[in-house]
């Protein structure tokens, strides 16, 4: 968003002759410029413009020191007194009580003038065609990672090396539904429910005792409008009532380190999407038919039914019988593994899936000699216990997958092993620390222990990035979000006007802001929105993603876009007290005068 603002700001508001020539010269190649190059260009341009002409962007209370094109972008020349007054505290009663302009403009008229000019500025800052900037094939970094220092690459199997089609989720849903009806004697009417692939999103919490499926942010607050009982939203008033008059869920009721708490469960597995949908459908049936039930019993029954699909091997059988139907992008998996081996990297696989299932899938994607690419293969590892339990020894499997009884004193290339534990793994291989990079899709079971306890580098596979970035790249989202930020800034700065007419204006803005938040949420998912954000805060899922992964991407094929010596640099995320050039600050005057004046004299 910053780079977008920079591009628009330079293109539309800065016009020193030297600066204009600089920008025009760069224009043919500007889509090819990296973020760092753009940032560098912006700083040089800003510095040049500030030394060329220090004018006050007083039009809308914007920070003085920005250059204009000889004519104010926001023609509010008569607001000079307001610009000076804005140097006081935003809550300064002097500022709130004095007239809006030198011409004694009424507060209401002044507020709407600011509103309209900001809307015009936002439109000018985001020209058509500039929205499609993010690439879903990129790798995104939470921490600095130099691939040149990585000697060993490790992988999970399901949803990491092997990507599955959505047809698999439909099969899991249908089979678990039949188990509930045939084995647990649930009502026949449940059979009418079909899997809804776009109902739930990963990372949601389920209140076992209340039967609520909801999205919670990084601060343990429930996002209102995303609480569902069955297939119907729960009114905000009822949410407050059920949680003691607050949106906050206390820590002791939240999920633990692995996503399971005393009354809450967080669904972090991609395989959990059909489970969440089935839970909601069964709840919906019982509610609509007036059947009394204990939500705890329902949760356990659905969970057991879905677990049976995995434990009894039904899912494995479906995939093995039609690999073409269920496994996606196998050629890309082969390309990634082959490239790493050709660059001298060691590879290993640690998965909870059984040998025959992994063997058939890898032969389909990579070829019959797939094990030649790996230095070590471990199946049925029982993660996350593999990373914490020292008691389980490694067992060797022969080429047919038959369990052997010899004691394991070393781990050999090309051999297959079952169970074991990470402590023996580290002792027998000598692999450890930041020279190891391990990829997985489950933030808890795959990545958390490796990063926090053992110092491995970790990469999260987040397939949802494809659709999330596609939404972010739309003009509807970009314009909606930008105006939402600007409108929020206006509310923050102008809330000091407390007369009756001004309050009416502010109330209208608050209502519009709420509508904008709902609009941007619904673009991702009508029920729960984005998996990465609530209306403005990161989600609990995002918090874990940033904590447990150094880098994240939509699939391991993204590695093909980078050299094996490439360094990933995380963007500096501004803290609230810092002074980044965010859109709402540019547009609403939150950039303080002393900061920019200091920049003018920096030489």
Foldseek 3Di string as FASTA:
>chain_A
DQLLLLLLCLVAFFCDPVSVVVNVVCVVCVLVDDPVRSVVNSLVSLLVRLLVDFAQLQLQLAFTRGGGPVARLRRRVQQVVLNVVLLDPLLPLVSQPAARGPVSDHPLVSLVSLLVSLLVSLPSSRDPPPLQRDDQLAWAFLAKAFLVLAFEEEEAPELFLWDWDCVLLQVLLQQLQVCCCPPVVDDPVLNVDGDDQQQDDAFWKAQQQVQWTFFAAQQQFTQQLQIDRQSDHDHPVVCCVVVVNGRHDDPQQFADLQQHHPGMGGGQDPSCSSLVNSSSSSRVVCVVVVNDDGSNVSNVSSVVSSVCCVVVCVSLVVCLVPVVNITPDLQLSQVLLVVCVVVNHAYEYAYLAADVSSQSNNCVRHNNVSLQSHFYYEYNQPFPCQAPPQPDAKWWAPPVRDTDDDHDPATGRSTYIYHHHVVVVCVRPVDFAANYEYEDAGLRRGFACRCPPTHYAYEHAAQLSVLVSVLSSDPVLVSLVLSLLQLVLSCVSNVSNDDPSVVVVSVVSVVVSVVSLQVQQVSQHNNHRDCQDRSHGGTSVVVSCSVGHRMYHNHSSSCVVDDSRDMHDHDDDDDPPDDRPRSNSSSNHVRNHVVSVVSNPDD
